[in-house]
Protein backbone atom coordinates (compact mmCIF):
# COMPACT_ATOMS: atom_id res chain seq x y z
CA MET A 1 -16.92 -91.87 -46.06
CA ASN A 2 -18.15 -88.97 -48.52
CA ASN A 3 -17.27 -89.55 -51.83
CA GLY A 4 -20.75 -89.76 -53.32
CA TRP A 5 -20.50 -93.91 -52.19
CA LYS A 6 -22.50 -94.23 -49.08
CA THR A 7 -22.38 -97.78 -46.97
CA SER A 8 -25.51 -99.03 -46.20
CA SER A 9 -25.42 -100.26 -42.12
CA GLY A 10 -27.03 -103.55 -43.11
CA THR A 11 -24.60 -104.20 -45.50
CA ALA A 12 -21.57 -102.57 -44.10
CA SER A 13 -19.42 -105.68 -43.76
CA LEU A 14 -18.97 -106.39 -47.61
CA GLY A 15 -15.67 -104.59 -47.21
CA GLY A 16 -16.46 -101.04 -47.24
CA GLY A 17 -13.95 -98.86 -49.76
CA LYS A 18 -12.50 -102.22 -50.46
CA GLY A 19 -15.79 -103.65 -51.63
CA PHE A 20 -15.61 -100.78 -54.75
CA ARG A 21 -13.03 -103.14 -56.09
CA LEU A 22 -15.68 -105.67 -57.00
CA ALA A 23 -17.40 -102.69 -59.35
CA ILE A 24 -13.24 -102.67 -61.66
CA VAL A 25 -14.56 -105.76 -63.54
CA PRO A 26 -18.28 -104.33 -64.61
CA LEU A 27 -17.33 -101.09 -65.38
CA LEU A 28 -14.14 -102.33 -67.45
CA PHE A 29 -16.78 -104.35 -69.54
CA LEU A 30 -19.15 -101.78 -70.26
CA GLY A 31 -16.56 -99.51 -71.18
CA ALA A 32 -14.85 -101.81 -73.24
CA PHE A 33 -18.14 -103.35 -74.92
CA PHE A 34 -20.45 -100.21 -74.77
CA VAL A 35 -19.43 -96.72 -73.86
CA TYR A 36 -16.41 -97.78 -76.23
CA PRO A 37 -18.89 -99.13 -79.38
CA ILE A 38 -21.34 -96.08 -79.28
CA ALA A 39 -18.20 -93.38 -79.20
CA ALA A 40 -16.93 -94.93 -82.48
CA ILE A 41 -20.81 -94.38 -83.43
CA LEU A 42 -20.48 -90.89 -82.40
CA THR A 43 -17.17 -90.73 -84.10
CA THR A 44 -17.94 -92.14 -87.48
CA SER A 45 -21.38 -90.18 -88.12
CA LEU A 46 -19.27 -86.71 -87.52
CA GLY A 47 -17.21 -87.60 -90.75
CA GLY A 48 -15.55 -90.24 -92.61
CA ALA A 49 -16.49 -91.09 -96.34
CA ARG A 50 -19.41 -92.74 -97.52
CA THR A 51 -19.37 -95.28 -99.69
CA THR A 52 -22.78 -95.12 -101.05
CA THR A 53 -25.08 -92.77 -102.95
CA GLY A 54 -28.88 -91.48 -101.75
CA PRO A 55 -29.82 -89.03 -98.86
CA LEU A 56 -28.00 -89.38 -95.22
CA LEU A 57 -30.93 -89.59 -93.10
CA ASP A 58 -34.30 -90.88 -94.97
CA ALA A 59 -37.39 -88.63 -93.71
CA GLY A 60 -39.99 -91.41 -94.49
CA VAL A 61 -37.83 -94.00 -92.04
CA VAL A 62 -37.73 -91.71 -88.99
CA TRP A 63 -41.51 -90.30 -89.65
CA PHE A 64 -42.79 -94.23 -90.03
CA THR A 65 -40.71 -95.40 -87.06
CA ILE A 66 -42.15 -92.75 -84.69
CA TRP A 67 -45.66 -92.73 -85.85
CA GLN A 68 -46.24 -96.74 -85.58
CA ALA A 69 -44.48 -96.70 -82.32
CA VAL A 70 -46.79 -93.80 -81.41
CA LEU A 71 -50.09 -96.21 -82.34
CA SER A 72 -48.77 -99.44 -80.96
CA THR A 73 -48.84 -97.83 -77.79
CA ALA A 74 -52.36 -96.45 -77.58
CA LEU A 75 -53.33 -99.85 -79.28
CA THR A 76 -51.39 -101.61 -76.53
CA LEU A 77 -53.22 -99.56 -73.72
CA VAL A 78 -56.62 -100.04 -75.59
CA ALA A 79 -56.12 -103.90 -75.74
CA GLY A 80 -54.46 -104.35 -72.45
CA LEU A 81 -56.45 -102.10 -69.85
CA PRO A 82 -59.64 -104.34 -70.31
CA ILE A 83 -57.67 -107.43 -69.07
CA ALA A 84 -55.69 -105.41 -66.54
CA TYR A 85 -59.06 -104.49 -64.97
CA VAL A 86 -60.43 -108.02 -65.21
CA THR A 87 -57.45 -109.81 -63.77
CA ALA A 88 -57.15 -107.20 -61.05
CA ARG A 89 -60.19 -107.03 -59.52
CA TYR A 90 -62.15 -110.14 -60.11
CA GLU A 91 -61.51 -113.92 -59.12
CA PHE A 92 -62.84 -115.92 -61.61
CA PRO A 93 -61.29 -120.14 -62.57
CA GLY A 94 -58.32 -119.40 -64.44
CA ARG A 95 -57.71 -115.66 -63.42
CA LYS A 96 -53.89 -117.00 -63.06
CA PHE A 97 -53.59 -118.60 -65.96
CA LEU A 98 -55.36 -116.06 -67.72
CA ARG A 99 -51.80 -113.09 -66.29
CA ALA A 100 -49.59 -116.27 -67.06
CA ALA A 101 -50.83 -116.98 -70.95
CA THR A 102 -50.16 -112.78 -71.26
CA VAL A 103 -46.14 -112.78 -70.07
CA VAL A 104 -46.07 -115.53 -73.18
CA PRO A 105 -45.82 -113.41 -76.28
CA PHE A 106 -43.61 -111.07 -73.72
CA VAL A 107 -40.76 -113.51 -73.83
CA LEU A 108 -40.92 -114.92 -77.41
CA PRO A 109 -38.02 -113.86 -79.87
CA THR A 110 -39.13 -111.05 -81.99
CA LEU A 111 -38.33 -113.07 -84.72
CA VAL A 112 -40.75 -115.73 -83.72
CA VAL A 113 -43.83 -113.55 -83.00
CA GLY A 114 -43.12 -111.72 -86.91
CA VAL A 115 -43.32 -115.65 -88.01
CA ALA A 116 -46.35 -116.21 -86.47
CA PHE A 117 -48.09 -113.34 -87.93
CA LEU A 118 -46.72 -114.37 -90.88
CA ALA A 119 -48.63 -117.44 -90.54
CA LEU A 120 -51.67 -115.40 -89.50
CA VAL A 121 -51.66 -113.07 -91.56
CA GLY A 122 -48.96 -113.58 -94.63
CA PRO A 123 -49.34 -114.39 -98.11
CA THR A 124 -50.77 -117.96 -97.14
CA GLY A 125 -51.93 -116.83 -94.00
CA ILE A 126 -54.40 -118.87 -92.52
CA LEU A 127 -56.83 -115.57 -92.27
CA GLY A 128 -57.11 -115.89 -96.13
CA VAL A 129 -55.65 -111.81 -96.23
CA ASP A 130 -51.95 -110.97 -96.85
CA LEU A 131 -50.70 -107.34 -94.86
CA THR A 132 -47.36 -107.92 -95.45
CA GLY A 133 -45.66 -105.32 -96.08
CA THR A 134 -48.46 -103.14 -94.45
CA ALA A 135 -48.44 -100.91 -91.33
CA ALA A 136 -51.10 -102.84 -90.02
CA ALA A 137 -49.17 -106.28 -89.25
CA ILE A 138 -46.10 -103.99 -87.80
CA VAL A 139 -48.50 -102.62 -85.47
CA ALA A 140 -51.05 -105.69 -84.43
CA SER A 141 -47.53 -107.63 -83.43
CA HIS A 142 -46.47 -104.90 -81.22
CA VAL A 143 -49.54 -105.12 -79.57
CA PHE A 144 -49.58 -108.79 -79.24
CA PHE A 145 -46.38 -108.53 -77.82
CA ASN A 146 -46.39 -105.46 -75.48
CA VAL A 147 -49.86 -106.32 -73.85
CA ALA A 148 -48.33 -108.01 -71.08
CA VAL A 149 -45.98 -104.80 -69.88
CA VAL A 150 -49.81 -103.18 -69.44
CA VAL A 151 -51.68 -105.92 -67.64
CA ARG A 152 -48.46 -106.41 -65.39
CA ILE A 153 -47.71 -102.86 -64.63
CA VAL A 154 -50.96 -101.43 -64.83
CA GLY A 155 -52.83 -104.18 -63.05
CA GLY A 156 -50.55 -104.43 -60.74
CA LEU A 157 -51.56 -100.93 -59.36
CA TRP A 158 -55.17 -101.41 -59.93
CA GLU A 159 -55.43 -104.49 -57.92
CA HIS A 160 -53.57 -102.30 -55.10
CA LEU A 161 -55.97 -99.36 -55.18
CA ASP A 162 -58.57 -98.87 -52.55
CA PRO A 163 -61.96 -100.27 -54.19
CA ARG A 164 -64.30 -97.65 -51.53
CA LEU A 165 -62.99 -94.50 -53.78
CA GLU A 166 -64.20 -95.94 -56.72
CA ASP A 167 -67.69 -97.10 -54.19
CA ALA A 168 -68.29 -93.49 -52.78
CA ALA A 169 -68.08 -92.21 -56.17
CA ARG A 170 -70.88 -94.46 -57.38
CA SER A 171 -72.97 -93.79 -54.28
CA LEU A 172 -73.04 -89.81 -55.49
CA GLY A 173 -74.73 -90.70 -58.73
CA ALA A 174 -71.13 -91.45 -60.98
CA THR A 175 -71.98 -93.76 -63.82
CA PRO A 176 -69.02 -96.62 -64.31
CA GLY A 177 -67.59 -94.49 -67.45
CA GLN A 178 -67.47 -91.39 -64.91
CA VAL A 179 -65.66 -93.16 -62.29
CA LEU A 180 -63.27 -95.00 -64.86
CA ARG A 181 -62.93 -91.29 -66.18
CA ARG A 182 -62.06 -89.04 -62.58
CA VAL A 183 -61.40 -91.37 -60.16
CA THR A 184 -59.86 -94.82 -61.50
CA LEU A 185 -57.64 -93.76 -64.22
CA PRO A 186 -56.26 -90.37 -62.40
CA LEU A 187 -54.96 -92.91 -59.65
CA LEU A 188 -53.61 -94.98 -62.29
CA ARG A 189 -51.33 -92.23 -63.86
CA PRO A 190 -48.26 -93.36 -62.85
CA ALA A 191 -48.94 -97.23 -63.84
CA LEU A 192 -50.05 -96.23 -67.57
CA ALA A 193 -47.01 -93.63 -68.04
CA SER A 194 -44.67 -96.66 -67.19
CA ALA A 195 -46.42 -99.43 -69.17
CA ALA A 196 -46.37 -96.69 -72.52
CA ALA A 197 -42.89 -95.67 -71.77
CA ILE A 198 -42.09 -99.28 -72.34
CA VAL A 199 -44.11 -100.19 -75.15
CA PHE A 200 -42.86 -97.31 -76.72
CA LEU A 201 -39.50 -97.73 -76.61
CA PHE A 202 -39.83 -101.65 -77.74
CA SER A 203 -41.81 -100.73 -80.94
CA PHE A 204 -39.59 -97.66 -81.29
CA THR A 205 -36.68 -100.07 -81.72
CA ALA A 206 -38.10 -103.08 -83.29
CA PHE A 207 -36.03 -105.11 -85.43
CA GLY A 208 -37.20 -108.90 -85.77
CA THR A 209 -40.79 -108.26 -86.24
CA VAL A 210 -40.58 -105.33 -88.74
CA LEU A 211 -37.67 -107.57 -90.91
CA VAL A 212 -40.31 -110.11 -90.72
CA LEU A 213 -43.48 -108.23 -92.53
CA GLY A 214 -42.33 -105.66 -93.69
CA GLY A 215 -41.27 -106.52 -96.81
CA PRO A 216 -38.54 -104.35 -99.36
CA GLY A 217 -40.66 -101.26 -98.80
CA ILE A 218 -41.75 -100.31 -94.96
CA ALA A 219 -38.23 -100.03 -92.33
CA THR A 220 -37.84 -98.52 -88.99
CA ILE A 221 -34.67 -96.65 -88.13
CA GLU A 222 -33.77 -100.44 -86.54
CA VAL A 223 -34.29 -102.04 -89.93
CA GLU A 224 -32.56 -99.08 -91.81
CA ILE A 225 -29.42 -99.51 -89.81
CA TYR A 226 -29.35 -103.05 -90.18
CA ARG A 227 -29.88 -102.55 -94.79
CA ARG A 228 -26.97 -99.67 -94.40
CA THR A 229 -24.43 -101.63 -92.11
CA ALA A 230 -25.28 -105.34 -94.49
CA PHE A 231 -25.82 -104.49 -97.54
CA LEU A 232 -25.37 -100.81 -98.53
CA PHE A 233 -21.81 -100.69 -96.14
CA ASP A 234 -22.85 -96.93 -95.62
CA LEU A 235 -21.40 -97.44 -92.46
CA ARG A 236 -21.55 -93.30 -91.58
CA GLY A 237 -25.22 -93.11 -92.84
CA ALA A 238 -26.08 -95.78 -90.45
CA ALA A 239 -24.15 -93.68 -88.03
CA ILE A 240 -26.32 -90.80 -88.01
CA LEU A 241 -29.24 -93.16 -87.64
CA ALA A 242 -28.21 -94.90 -84.72
CA ILE A 243 -27.36 -91.76 -82.86
CA LEU A 244 -30.63 -90.14 -83.95
CA GLN A 245 -32.03 -93.58 -82.40
CA MET A 246 -30.75 -93.16 -79.40
CA VAL A 247 -31.84 -89.31 -79.20
CA GLY A 248 -35.21 -90.46 -79.82
CA VAL A 249 -34.63 -93.36 -76.92
CA THR A 250 -32.75 -90.58 -74.60
CA ALA A 251 -35.72 -87.91 -75.28
CA ALA A 252 -38.78 -90.70 -74.51
CA LEU A 253 -37.11 -91.68 -71.14
CA PHE A 254 -36.34 -87.87 -70.51
CA LEU A 255 -39.99 -87.00 -70.81
CA TYR A 256 -41.15 -89.71 -69.05
CA ALA A 257 -39.17 -89.19 -66.04
CA ARG A 258 -40.64 -85.88 -66.28
CA HIS A 259 -44.10 -86.84 -66.16
CA GLN A 260 -43.79 -88.85 -63.44
CA ASP A 261 -42.07 -86.20 -61.54
CA ARG A 262 -44.97 -84.21 -62.46
CA SER A 263 -48.13 -86.22 -61.60
CA ARG A 264 -47.04 -88.26 -58.91
CA ILE A 265 -49.79 -89.18 -56.79
CA THR A 266 -49.73 -89.80 -52.91
CA GLN A 267 -52.18 -92.48 -51.86
CA THR A 268 -53.31 -95.52 -49.87
CA LEU A 269 -52.77 -98.75 -51.62
CA THR A 270 -54.46 -101.42 -50.11
CA ALA A 271 -54.08 -105.49 -50.52
CA ALA A 272 -57.66 -105.64 -51.54
CA ARG A 273 -58.80 -109.17 -52.69
CA PRO A 274 -60.51 -109.66 -56.13
CA ARG A 275 -64.26 -110.70 -55.52
CA ARG A 276 -66.27 -113.21 -57.63
CA PRO A 277 -68.50 -111.38 -60.92
CA HIS A 278 -71.93 -111.14 -59.12
CA THR A 279 -74.19 -109.05 -61.42
CA ARG A 280 -74.94 -110.12 -64.70
CA ARG A 281 -72.64 -107.37 -66.04
CA GLN A 282 -69.96 -108.22 -63.94
CA ARG A 283 -69.88 -111.58 -65.47
CA THR A 284 -70.23 -110.58 -69.31
CA VAL A 285 -67.59 -108.33 -68.84
CA VAL A 286 -65.07 -111.15 -67.49
CA ALA A 287 -66.14 -112.99 -69.88
CA LEU A 288 -66.11 -111.57 -72.73
CA THR A 289 -62.49 -110.24 -71.26
CA VAL A 290 -61.40 -113.89 -71.38
CA LEU A 291 -62.40 -114.54 -74.68
CA TRP A 292 -60.36 -111.48 -76.33
CA THR A 293 -57.25 -112.08 -74.14
CA LEU A 294 -57.73 -115.74 -75.45
CA CYS A 295 -57.63 -114.07 -79.44
CA LEU A 296 -55.28 -111.82 -78.74
CA VAL A 297 -52.91 -113.92 -76.85
CA GLY A 298 -53.27 -117.36 -77.79
CA LEU A 299 -54.46 -117.03 -81.92
CA PRO A 300 -51.25 -116.08 -83.53
CA THR A 301 -49.32 -119.04 -81.45
CA LEU A 302 -51.95 -121.67 -82.24
CA VAL A 303 -51.95 -121.02 -85.84
CA LEU A 304 -48.40 -120.64 -85.98
CA ALA A 305 -48.53 -124.29 -84.13
CA TRP A 306 -51.08 -125.61 -87.21
CA ARG A 307 -48.80 -124.22 -90.32
CA ALA A 308 -46.01 -125.97 -88.48
CA LEU A 309 -47.24 -129.57 -88.32
CA THR A 310 -49.97 -129.39 -91.16
CA ARG A 311 -50.33 -129.15 -94.88
CA ASP A 312 -53.68 -128.66 -96.55
CA GLY A 313 -55.15 -128.97 -93.25
CA ARG A 314 -53.91 -132.33 -92.50
CA PRO A 315 -51.01 -133.16 -90.12
CA THR A 316 -47.72 -133.42 -91.77
CA LEU A 317 -44.03 -134.45 -91.27
CA ALA A 318 -42.56 -132.00 -94.26
CA GLY A 319 -41.47 -129.69 -92.03
CA PHE A 320 -39.24 -131.80 -90.17
CA ARG A 321 -38.08 -133.28 -93.95
CA ALA A 322 -37.57 -129.70 -95.32
CA LEU A 323 -34.69 -129.21 -92.03
CA GLN A 324 -33.28 -132.44 -92.75
CA THR A 325 -32.49 -132.03 -96.29
CA SER A 326 -32.25 -128.56 -96.29
CA PRO A 327 -29.13 -127.34 -97.93
CA PHE A 328 -29.59 -123.51 -96.85
CA VAL A 329 -29.41 -124.47 -92.51
CA ASP A 330 -28.13 -127.02 -90.74
CA VAL A 331 -30.53 -127.54 -87.50
CA ALA A 332 -28.39 -129.21 -85.32
CA ALA A 333 -25.09 -127.00 -85.80
CA SER A 334 -27.46 -124.06 -85.57
CA ALA A 335 -28.77 -125.15 -82.39
CA THR A 336 -25.54 -126.32 -81.10
CA THR A 337 -24.61 -122.60 -81.87
CA SER A 338 -27.45 -120.75 -80.29
CA LEU A 339 -26.88 -123.30 -77.04
CA GLY A 340 -23.21 -122.51 -76.92
CA TYR A 341 -23.30 -118.96 -77.49
CA ALA A 342 -26.54 -118.82 -74.65
CA ALA A 343 -24.00 -121.00 -72.36
CA ALA A 344 -21.40 -118.10 -72.55
CA ALA A 345 -23.26 -115.28 -72.73
CA THR A 346 -24.88 -116.33 -69.05
CA VAL A 347 -21.74 -117.28 -67.49
CA ILE A 348 -20.42 -113.37 -69.06
CA ALA A 349 -23.71 -111.81 -67.55
CA ILE A 350 -23.42 -113.87 -64.00
CA GLY A 351 -19.91 -113.05 -63.88
CA VAL A 352 -20.40 -109.05 -64.21
CA GLY A 353 -23.59 -108.98 -63.24
CA LEU A 354 -22.68 -110.60 -59.91
CA PRO A 355 -19.98 -108.32 -58.30
CA ALA A 356 -22.07 -105.21 -59.70
CA ALA A 357 -25.34 -106.03 -57.58
CA LEU A 358 -22.65 -106.78 -54.96
CA VAL A 359 -21.75 -103.15 -54.82
CA ILE A 360 -25.25 -101.94 -55.90
CA ALA A 361 -26.71 -103.49 -52.68
CA ALA A 362 -24.02 -102.78 -50.08
CA HIS A 363 -24.04 -99.04 -50.94
CA ARG A 364 -26.02 -95.95 -51.02
CA GLY A 365 -25.14 -92.54 -52.49
CA ARG A 366 -24.80 -90.55 -55.76
CA LEU A 367 -22.43 -92.56 -57.34
CA SER A 368 -23.98 -95.97 -56.74
CA ARG A 369 -27.13 -94.56 -58.31
CA TRP A 370 -24.74 -93.57 -61.27
CA PHE A 371 -23.51 -97.21 -61.62
CA ASP A 372 -26.58 -98.83 -61.12
CA THR A 373 -27.52 -96.38 -64.27
CA LEU A 374 -24.79 -96.98 -66.50
CA LEU A 375 -25.68 -101.00 -65.94
CA MET A 376 -28.76 -100.47 -67.01
CA LEU A 377 -28.81 -98.21 -70.07
CA PRO A 378 -27.52 -101.44 -73.06
CA LEU A 379 -31.13 -102.80 -72.00
CA GLY A 380 -32.31 -99.09 -73.54
CA THR A 381 -30.33 -99.20 -76.51
CA SER A 382 -31.00 -100.91 -79.47
CA ALA A 383 -29.51 -104.50 -79.84
CA VAL A 384 -28.30 -103.61 -83.92
CA THR A 385 -27.01 -100.40 -82.44
CA LEU A 386 -25.00 -102.64 -80.35
CA GLY A 387 -23.83 -104.64 -82.85
CA PHE A 388 -23.12 -101.67 -84.93
CA GLY A 389 -21.42 -100.28 -82.68
CA MET A 390 -19.15 -102.93 -81.69
CA LEU A 391 -18.12 -103.88 -85.80
CA LEU A 392 -16.93 -100.05 -85.59
CA ALA A 393 -15.03 -100.21 -82.81
CA LEU A 394 -13.17 -103.25 -81.91
CA ASP A 395 -10.64 -104.06 -84.25
CA THR A 396 -7.80 -102.52 -82.00
CA PRO A 397 -6.17 -103.26 -80.10
CA ILE A 398 -7.38 -106.34 -81.03
CA ASP A 399 -9.49 -107.43 -84.15
CA LEU A 400 -12.36 -108.92 -82.32
CA ARG A 401 -14.88 -108.53 -85.26
CA ALA A 402 -14.77 -111.84 -86.69
CA SER A 403 -13.96 -113.55 -82.95
CA ALA A 404 -17.12 -115.84 -82.41
CA ALA A 405 -16.48 -114.27 -78.94
CA LEU A 406 -18.10 -111.05 -79.41
CA VAL A 407 -22.04 -112.27 -80.30
CA PRO A 408 -22.03 -113.81 -76.59
CA ILE A 409 -20.55 -110.62 -75.09
CA ALA A 410 -23.46 -108.58 -76.97
CA HIS A 411 -26.13 -111.00 -75.73
CA ALA A 412 -24.52 -110.79 -72.12
CA LEU A 413 -24.73 -106.54 -72.24
CA VAL A 414 -28.39 -107.19 -72.64
CA ALA A 415 -28.81 -109.97 -70.07
CA ILE A 416 -26.20 -108.20 -66.93
CA PRO A 417 -29.36 -105.74 -65.94
CA PHE A 418 -31.76 -108.53 -65.70
CA VAL A 419 -28.82 -110.71 -63.45
CA VAL A 420 -28.12 -107.49 -61.55
CA ARG A 421 -32.43 -106.78 -60.78
CA SER A 422 -32.24 -110.26 -59.79
CA LEU A 423 -29.81 -110.05 -56.98
CA VAL A 424 -29.97 -106.86 -55.88
CA PRO A 425 -33.42 -107.47 -53.61
CA VAL A 426 -32.14 -110.16 -52.43
CA LEU A 427 -28.62 -109.14 -51.08
CA GLY A 428 -29.89 -105.71 -50.31
CA SER A 429 -32.37 -107.65 -48.03
CA ILE A 430 -29.66 -110.16 -45.92
CA ARG A 431 -29.77 -109.12 -42.14
CA LEU A 432 -26.49 -107.63 -40.59
CA ARG A 433 -26.17 -109.27 -37.98
CA LEU A 434 -25.46 -112.92 -40.17
CA ARG A 435 -21.81 -110.51 -41.82
CA GLU A 436 -21.70 -109.06 -37.67
CA ALA A 437 -21.33 -112.99 -36.46
CA ALA A 438 -19.13 -114.01 -39.53
CA ALA A 439 -17.02 -111.19 -39.08
CA THR A 440 -16.45 -111.95 -35.05
CA LEU A 441 -15.66 -115.00 -35.74
CA GLY A 442 -12.85 -113.92 -38.37
CA ALA A 443 -14.44 -113.71 -41.77
CA SER A 444 -12.65 -112.00 -44.35
CA PRO A 445 -15.27 -109.81 -46.30
CA GLY A 446 -14.30 -112.27 -48.79
CA ARG A 447 -15.30 -115.35 -47.46
CA VAL A 448 -18.89 -113.35 -46.14
CA ARG A 449 -19.57 -113.02 -49.55
CA ARG A 450 -18.92 -116.52 -50.49
CA GLU A 451 -20.91 -118.56 -47.66
CA ILE A 452 -23.47 -116.35 -46.51
CA ASP A 453 -24.60 -114.00 -49.35
CA LEU A 454 -23.84 -116.18 -52.23
CA PRO A 455 -25.78 -119.37 -50.62
CA ILE A 456 -28.85 -117.27 -49.48
CA ALA A 457 -28.77 -115.27 -53.36
CA GLY A 458 -28.51 -118.48 -55.27
CA ARG A 459 -32.12 -118.91 -56.23
CA ALA A 460 -31.84 -115.28 -57.22
CA ALA A 461 -28.94 -115.51 -59.22
CA ALA A 462 -30.45 -118.87 -61.02
CA VAL A 463 -33.75 -116.80 -61.88
CA GLY A 464 -30.66 -114.01 -63.31
CA ALA A 465 -28.81 -117.15 -65.42
CA GLY A 466 -32.46 -118.21 -66.63
CA PHE A 467 -33.14 -114.81 -67.85
CA ALA A 468 -29.87 -114.62 -69.75
CA PHE A 469 -29.85 -117.72 -71.41
CA VAL A 470 -33.24 -116.63 -72.71
CA ILE A 471 -32.19 -113.38 -73.34
CA SER A 472 -29.17 -114.98 -75.39
CA LEU A 473 -31.38 -117.79 -77.15
CA GLY A 474 -33.72 -115.42 -78.65
CA GLU A 475 -31.76 -112.61 -79.72
CA PHE A 476 -31.71 -111.46 -83.54
CA GLY A 477 -30.64 -107.49 -83.91
CA ALA A 478 -27.10 -108.04 -82.83
CA THR A 479 -26.56 -111.43 -83.56
CA SER A 480 -27.37 -110.53 -87.65
CA LEU A 481 -24.52 -108.08 -87.97
CA LEU A 482 -22.08 -110.10 -85.52
CA ALA A 483 -22.65 -113.94 -86.32
CA ARG A 484 -20.53 -115.72 -88.45
CA PRO A 485 -21.80 -116.52 -91.97
CA GLY A 486 -20.65 -120.21 -91.02
CA ALA A 487 -22.05 -120.29 -87.55
CA PRO A 488 -26.14 -119.05 -87.52
CA THR A 489 -27.58 -119.18 -84.51
CA LEU A 490 -31.47 -120.92 -84.70
CA PRO A 491 -33.14 -117.40 -85.00
CA LEU A 492 -31.24 -116.17 -88.08
CA ALA A 493 -31.57 -119.63 -90.01
CA VAL A 494 -35.08 -119.36 -89.35
CA PHE A 495 -34.51 -116.00 -90.66
CA ARG A 496 -32.23 -117.73 -94.21
CA LEU A 497 -35.11 -120.26 -94.58
CA LEU A 498 -37.68 -117.20 -94.58
CA GLY A 499 -35.73 -115.68 -97.57
CA ARG A 500 -35.90 -118.58 -99.69
CA PRO A 501 -38.88 -120.03 -102.11
CA GLY A 502 -40.56 -122.62 -102.04
CA ALA A 503 -43.71 -123.58 -99.04
CA LEU A 504 -41.22 -126.24 -97.66
CA ASN A 505 -38.58 -123.28 -96.58
CA VAL A 506 -41.42 -121.37 -95.48
CA GLN A 507 -43.20 -124.47 -93.59
CA GLY A 508 -39.48 -125.65 -91.91
CA ALA A 509 -39.42 -121.76 -90.50
CA MET A 510 -42.66 -122.34 -88.60
CA LEU A 511 -41.97 -125.21 -87.33
CA LEU A 512 -38.20 -124.09 -86.36
CA SER A 513 -40.20 -120.81 -85.08
CA LEU A 514 -42.31 -123.27 -83.04
CA GLY A 515 -39.33 -125.13 -81.49
CA LEU A 516 -37.49 -122.35 -80.93
CA MET A 517 -40.68 -120.99 -78.95
CA VAL A 518 -41.70 -124.14 -76.98
CA LEU A 519 -37.61 -124.15 -75.28
CA THR A 520 -38.24 -120.75 -74.46
CA VAL A 521 -41.65 -120.84 -72.60
CA VAL A 522 -40.38 -123.92 -70.92
CA ILE A 523 -36.79 -121.73 -69.64
CA VAL A 524 -39.39 -118.98 -68.52
CA LEU A 525 -41.74 -121.55 -66.51
CA ALA A 526 -38.40 -122.74 -64.64
CA ILE A 527 -37.48 -119.20 -64.15
CA ASP A 528 -40.91 -118.85 -62.58
CA ARG A 529 -40.82 -121.74 -60.25
CA LEU A 530 -37.56 -120.31 -59.03
CA ARG A 531 -39.19 -116.94 -58.24
CA LEU A 532 -40.15 -116.17 -54.62
CA PRO A 533 -43.15 -115.27 -53.61
CA GLY A 534 -43.97 -112.24 -54.29
CA GLU A 535 -42.16 -111.40 -57.20
CA GLY A 536 -43.48 -110.31 -60.63
CA TRP A 537 -41.92 -110.21 -63.86
CA PHE A 538 -42.14 -106.12 -63.88
């Protein structure tokens, strides 16, 4: 066929042209719940009446969103590069644990990250300094959350650089600083650009951390969209901000792609094994980096646990009693709601992501690449924007805006890319002769998929399902707009408690955040055990 969909020789027996029928469900799902809501935002931004007074565009919010994202990106690179270097170049006791520990903040719900920093630098924070309502607290939380991106992406390339290049530079008289500036960093430029782009996008679209730590005087575009939608009912102003945010994200991705094309470096990668530090300077560097990593990653989480389980330095059950007697939240009902949404979102994500992965793995060509890109777009769109678009668009032909089904659908949109990325490499690696043998014995393409592809890809599907479950469990942005008032999720319950006066409510929120953190980490550890050897997080 010559329509842009080229059948891969290794997967031809998936059904040829008939295999494209599998793309119908993913396309319909994305069209109804992503493309249509985004189009509704665009339409609302171009017309319609406003219901509030004030400027349509707050230049201060836009400027703060940009500069805090730039600063967060720069500081995350500075914080993560030493960790990436040490874990890539040196072998030492606890190295694997250290790398795994950096991933923990990244998988936590952003609201939990905000609560952890509230326990650290809030009004009653353990450090004795109140940084709430300041950019410093927000930027610090972004560094904590995103450092794993730098460690994994940059460190992954760093450990495969040929060490002989650096050794040659040293033999010619270059100092360690000169080797870093003139040899290592230029070779790491693609990984640095990739990590910087991801960190910038996460910081640019930050919501939970800014909502908790920013206070009433500081807001990003994401928070302002939420404020205008939920409190001011300024739909046109929120739509304009949502479009502006999408333009910013698209521009950042375009600049990143352009930079990658211009800075692409052809180099020989090796599988050089990390070496043990043998000089005093090397041992000092490793020790200081380990200490820095443990402080950066461990301090906020340990302080959250301490504040949740103690009062005035003594162990207490006050937080548990506060949750049991609180008139503001029902923990059991919130947990049931969260788990129900997560289960539903997982089923939807697998139901849409599996056929999409089968199509991508079975075919090559221009249309296949566009299809793959379309599936990834929700991941680059802010969750608040997705929720806002659904509120605008999904009132006809059936009004779904008050339906409980809308929440897991929004969660599934963000989870589908993870399901697809987990499945495609495995499905694409299945040998052709297995399918050919089944076809020779009379198996239809559908039966080949059921009895060859799916059993082999079962582990990858479980990994994708785990990702979908974790994402839904901690999602806060879209849920804050779409969830029904009487059925809050665990993140919404935490936010409600934080908004109520009283030390017991704050402690209850921290205890609930701690429980959500533990549950998330347990699921992530289970996912990690399911991963095949050599598979990474990034």
